[in-house]
Amino acid sequence: MNTPALLALANALDTVPENEFDMGTWDCGCTACAIGWGNRLHVLPDGLVLPPHPSATWYPAFNGETCGKALAAAYGMTIDEVTETFYACGYECTRMGEKVQPSDVAAKIRELVEAKGK
């Protein structure tokens, strides 16, 4: 697990305004997901990039992998961990009709790092 990169992202997410955070899409424009904010705040792991996608959105890419597989490779996570951490479906609040907040993602990253450290 790439603990330093994950904790850097968690710390950066602590600074993100809730009204400018959106886990509903990979679009990393004005409103962004966790990885989009990582890119904007320059805390992504070396080699993880967000090139334009043919569908006119942005998506993570790393060592020939894209989207969830790219995040798994860059952060040393399993696909299940990536889904639970970086996709809105991994959060109970979305099932209750509420929006995922940057603090939710930061907390989940820290919980994962702590669990893996044991």
C-alpha atoms as a PDB file:
ATOM      1  CA  MET A   1       0.000   0.000   0.000  1.00  0.00           C
ATOM      2  CA  ASN A   2       1.274   3.456  -0.898  1.00  0.00           C
ATOM      3  CA  THR A   3       0.626   4.869   2.570  1.00  0.00           C
ATOM      4  CA  PRO A   4       2.415   8.214   2.092  1.00  0.00           C
ATOM      5  CA  ALA A   5       0.410   8.983  -1.053  1.00  0.00           C
ATOM      6  CA  LEU A   6      -2.872   7.949   0.548  1.00  0.00           C
ATOM      7  CA  LEU A   7      -2.249  10.067   3.629  1.00  0.00           C
ATOM      8  CA  ALA A   8      -1.207  13.023   1.465  1.00  0.00           C
ATOM      9  CA  LEU A   9      -4.520  12.718  -0.356  1.00  0.00           C
ATOM     10  CA  ALA A  10      -6.460  12.436   2.916  1.00  0.00           C
ATOM     11  CA  ASN A  11      -4.734  15.535   4.284  1.00  0.00           C
ATOM     12  CA  ALA A  12      -5.428  17.450   1.067  1.00  0.00           C
ATOM     13  CA  LEU A  13      -9.097  16.433   1.138  1.00  0.00           C
ATOM     14  CA  ASP A  14      -9.363  18.036   4.578  1.00  0.00           C
ATOM     15  CA  THR A  15      -8.950  21.405   2.823  1.00  0.00           C
ATOM     16  CA  VAL A  16     -11.572  20.899   0.088  1.00  0.00           C
ATOM     17  CA  PRO A  17     -14.796  22.931   0.315  1.00  0.00           C
ATOM     18  CA  GLU A  18     -17.807  20.619   0.515  1.00  0.00           C
ATOM     19  CA  ASN A  19     -19.697  22.565  -2.163  1.00  0.00           C
ATOM     20  CA  GLU A  20     -16.866  21.942  -4.650  1.00  0.00           C
ATOM     21  CA  PHE A  21     -16.680  18.174  -4.175  1.00  0.00           C
ATOM     22  CA  ASP A  22     -18.592  15.609  -6.246  1.00  0.00           C
ATOM     23  CA  MET A  23     -18.074  11.850  -6.050  1.00  0.00           C
ATOM     24  CA  GLY A  24     -20.730  11.324  -8.717  1.00  0.00           C
ATOM     25  CA  THR A  25     -18.374  11.514 -11.689  1.00  0.00           C
ATOM     26  CA  TRP A  26     -14.759  11.240 -12.843  1.00  0.00           C
ATOM     27  CA  ASP A  27     -15.097  14.759 -14.280  1.00  0.00           C
ATOM     28  CA  CYS A  28     -12.269  16.785 -12.769  1.00  0.00           C
ATOM     29  CA  GLY A  29     -13.383  20.223 -13.769  1.00  0.00           C
ATOM     30  CA  CYS A  30     -14.778  22.910 -11.468  1.00  0.00           C
ATOM     31  CA  THR A  31     -16.414  20.362  -9.164  1.00  0.00           C
ATOM     32  CA  ALA A  32     -14.264  17.310  -8.573  1.00  0.00           C
ATOM     33  CA  CYS A  33     -14.048  13.878  -7.031  1.00  0.00           C
ATOM     34  CA  ALA A  34     -11.326  12.816  -4.575  1.00  0.00           C
ATOM     35  CA  ILE A  35      -8.823  11.998  -7.327  1.00  0.00           C
ATOM     36  CA  GLY A  36      -9.657  15.184  -9.210  1.00  0.00           C
ATOM     37  CA  TRP A  37      -8.899  17.169  -6.075  1.00  0.00           C
ATOM     38  CA  GLY A  38      -5.702  15.174  -5.577  1.00  0.00           C
ATOM     39  CA  ASN A  39      -4.687  16.297  -9.044  1.00  0.00           C
ATOM     40  CA  ARG A  40      -5.666  19.928  -8.422  1.00  0.00           C
ATOM     41  CA  LEU A  41      -3.758  19.978  -5.120  1.00  0.00           C
ATOM     42  CA  HIS A  42      -0.728  18.177  -6.575  1.00  0.00           C
ATOM     43  CA  VAL A  43      -0.755  15.198  -4.200  1.00  0.00           C
ATOM     44  CA  LEU A  44      -1.247  12.284  -6.599  1.00  0.00           C
ATOM     45  CA  PRO A  45       1.421   9.557  -6.651  1.00  0.00           C
ATOM     46  CA  ASP A  46       4.103   9.908  -9.317  1.00  0.00           C
ATOM     47  CA  GLY A  47       2.829   8.528 -12.593  1.00  0.00           C
ATOM     48  CA  LEU A  48      -0.890   8.806 -11.798  1.00  0.00           C
ATOM     49  CA  VAL A  49      -2.350  11.219 -14.347  1.00  0.00           C
ATOM     50  CA  LEU A  50      -5.768  12.416 -15.499  1.00  0.00           C
ATOM     51  CA  PRO A  51      -5.680  12.532 -19.307  1.00  0.00           C
ATOM     52  CA  PRO A  52      -8.788  13.412 -21.314  1.00  0.00           C
ATOM     53  CA  HIS A  53     -11.038  10.459 -22.048  1.00  0.00           C
ATOM     54  CA  PRO A  54     -12.737   9.954 -25.445  1.00  0.00           C
ATOM     55  CA  SER A  55     -16.108  10.524 -23.749  1.00  0.00           C
ATOM     56  CA  ALA A  56     -14.979  14.120 -22.974  1.00  0.00           C
ATOM     57  CA  THR A  57     -14.459  13.468 -19.264  1.00  0.00           C
ATOM     58  CA  TRP A  58     -11.249  12.848 -17.344  1.00  0.00           C
ATOM     59  CA  TYR A  59     -10.139   9.561 -15.858  1.00  0.00           C
ATOM     60  CA  PRO A  60      -7.159   8.331 -13.844  1.00  0.00           C
ATOM     61  CA  ALA A  61      -4.395   6.474 -15.693  1.00  0.00           C
ATOM     62  CA  PHE A  62      -1.302   4.740 -14.327  1.00  0.00           C
ATOM     63  CA  ASN A  63       1.175   2.386 -16.029  1.00  0.00           C
ATOM     64  CA  GLY A  64      -1.227   1.464 -18.823  1.00  0.00           C
ATOM     65  CA  GLU A  65      -4.209   0.950 -16.504  1.00  0.00           C
ATOM     66  CA  THR A  66      -7.223   3.251 -16.287  1.00  0.00           C
ATOM     67  CA  CYS A  67      -9.918   4.174 -13.785  1.00  0.00           C
ATOM     68  CA  GLY A  68     -10.180   1.813 -10.798  1.00  0.00           C
ATOM     69  CA  LYS A  69      -7.321  -0.411 -11.941  1.00  0.00           C
ATOM     70  CA  ALA A  70      -5.092   2.653 -12.243  1.00  0.00           C
ATOM     71  CA  LEU A  71      -5.929   3.717  -8.702  1.00  0.00           C
ATOM     72  CA  ALA A  72      -5.337   0.195  -7.398  1.00  0.00           C
ATOM     73  CA  ALA A  73      -1.898   0.116  -9.026  1.00  0.00           C
ATOM     74  CA  ALA A  74      -0.900   3.649  -8.001  1.00  0.00           C
ATOM     75  CA  TYR A  75      -2.006   3.325  -4.386  1.00  0.00           C
ATOM     76  CA  GLY A  76      -1.283  -0.377  -3.871  1.00  0.00           C
ATOM     77  CA  MET A  77      -4.920  -1.140  -3.116  1.00  0.00           C
ATOM     78  CA  THR A  78      -7.261  -3.933  -4.137  1.00  0.00           C
ATOM     79  CA  ILE A  79     -10.094  -3.187  -6.553  1.00  0.00           C
ATOM     80  CA  ASP A  80     -12.544  -3.660  -3.677  1.00  0.00           C
ATOM     81  CA  GLU A  81     -10.647  -1.102  -1.574  1.00  0.00           C
ATOM     82  CA  VAL A  82     -10.636   1.340  -4.496  1.00  0.00           C
ATOM     83  CA  THR A  83     -14.376   0.882  -5.026  1.00  0.00           C
ATOM     84  CA  GLU A  84     -15.122   1.351  -1.334  1.00  0.00           C
ATOM     85  CA  THR A  85     -12.877   4.435  -1.101  1.00  0.00           C
ATOM     86  CA  PHE A  86     -13.086   6.301  -4.412  1.00  0.00           C
ATOM     87  CA  TYR A  87     -16.558   5.477  -5.749  1.00  0.00           C
ATOM     88  CA  ALA A  88     -19.739   6.957  -4.278  1.00  0.00           C
ATOM     89  CA  CYS A  89     -21.282   3.484  -4.039  1.00  0.00           C
ATOM     90  CA  GLY A  90     -18.795   2.712  -1.255  1.00  0.00           C
ATOM     91  CA  TYR A  91     -20.481   5.154   1.123  1.00  0.00           C
ATOM     92  CA  GLU A  92     -23.587   4.524   3.201  1.00  0.00           C
ATOM     93  CA  CYS A  93     -24.644   8.179   2.914  1.00  0.00           C
ATOM     94  CA  THR A  94     -25.221   7.820  -0.842  1.00  0.00           C
ATOM     95  CA  ARG A  95     -27.601   4.954  -0.195  1.00  0.00           C
ATOM     96  CA  MET A  96     -29.502   7.309   2.125  1.00  0.00           C
ATOM     97  CA  GLY A  97     -29.651  10.034  -0.546  1.00  0.00           C
ATOM     98  CA  GLU A  98     -26.913  12.200   0.943  1.00  0.00           C
ATOM     99  CA  LYS A  99     -23.785  13.499  -0.748  1.00  0.00           C
ATOM    100  CA  VAL A 100     -20.337  12.106   0.043  1.00  0.00           C
ATOM    101  CA  GLN A 101     -18.165  14.802   1.603  1.00  0.00           C
ATOM    102  CA  PRO A 102     -14.384  15.165   1.276  1.00  0.00           C
ATOM    103  CA  SER A 103     -14.106  14.496   5.016  1.00  0.00           C
ATOM    104  CA  ASP A 104     -15.860  11.134   4.471  1.00  0.00           C
ATOM    105  CA  VAL A 105     -13.234  10.090   1.932  1.00  0.00           C
ATOM    106  CA  ALA A 106     -10.362  11.369   4.081  1.00  0.00           C
ATOM    107  CA  ALA A 107     -11.682   9.396   7.064  1.00  0.00           C
ATOM    108  CA  LYS A 108     -12.091   6.230   4.996  1.00  0.00           C
ATOM    109  CA  ILE A 109      -8.534   6.542   3.658  1.00  0.00           C
ATOM    110  CA  ARG A 110      -7.177   6.915   7.191  1.00  0.00           C
ATOM    111  CA  GLU A 111      -9.210   3.926   8.419  1.00  0.00           C
ATOM    112  CA  LEU A 112      -7.871   1.801   5.561  1.00  0.00           C
ATOM    113  CA  VAL A 113      -4.275   2.828   6.215  1.00  0.00           C
ATOM    114  CA  GLU A 114      -4.682   2.101   9.922  1.00  0.00           C
ATOM    115  CA  ALA A 115      -6.287  -1.286   9.272  1.00  0.00           C
ATOM    116  CA  LYS A 116      -3.558  -2.281   6.819  1.00  0.00           C
ATOM    117  CA  GLY A 117      -0.868  -1.129   9.253  1.00  0.00           C
ATOM    118  CA  LYS A 118      -1.969  -3.650  11.863  1.00  0.00           C
END
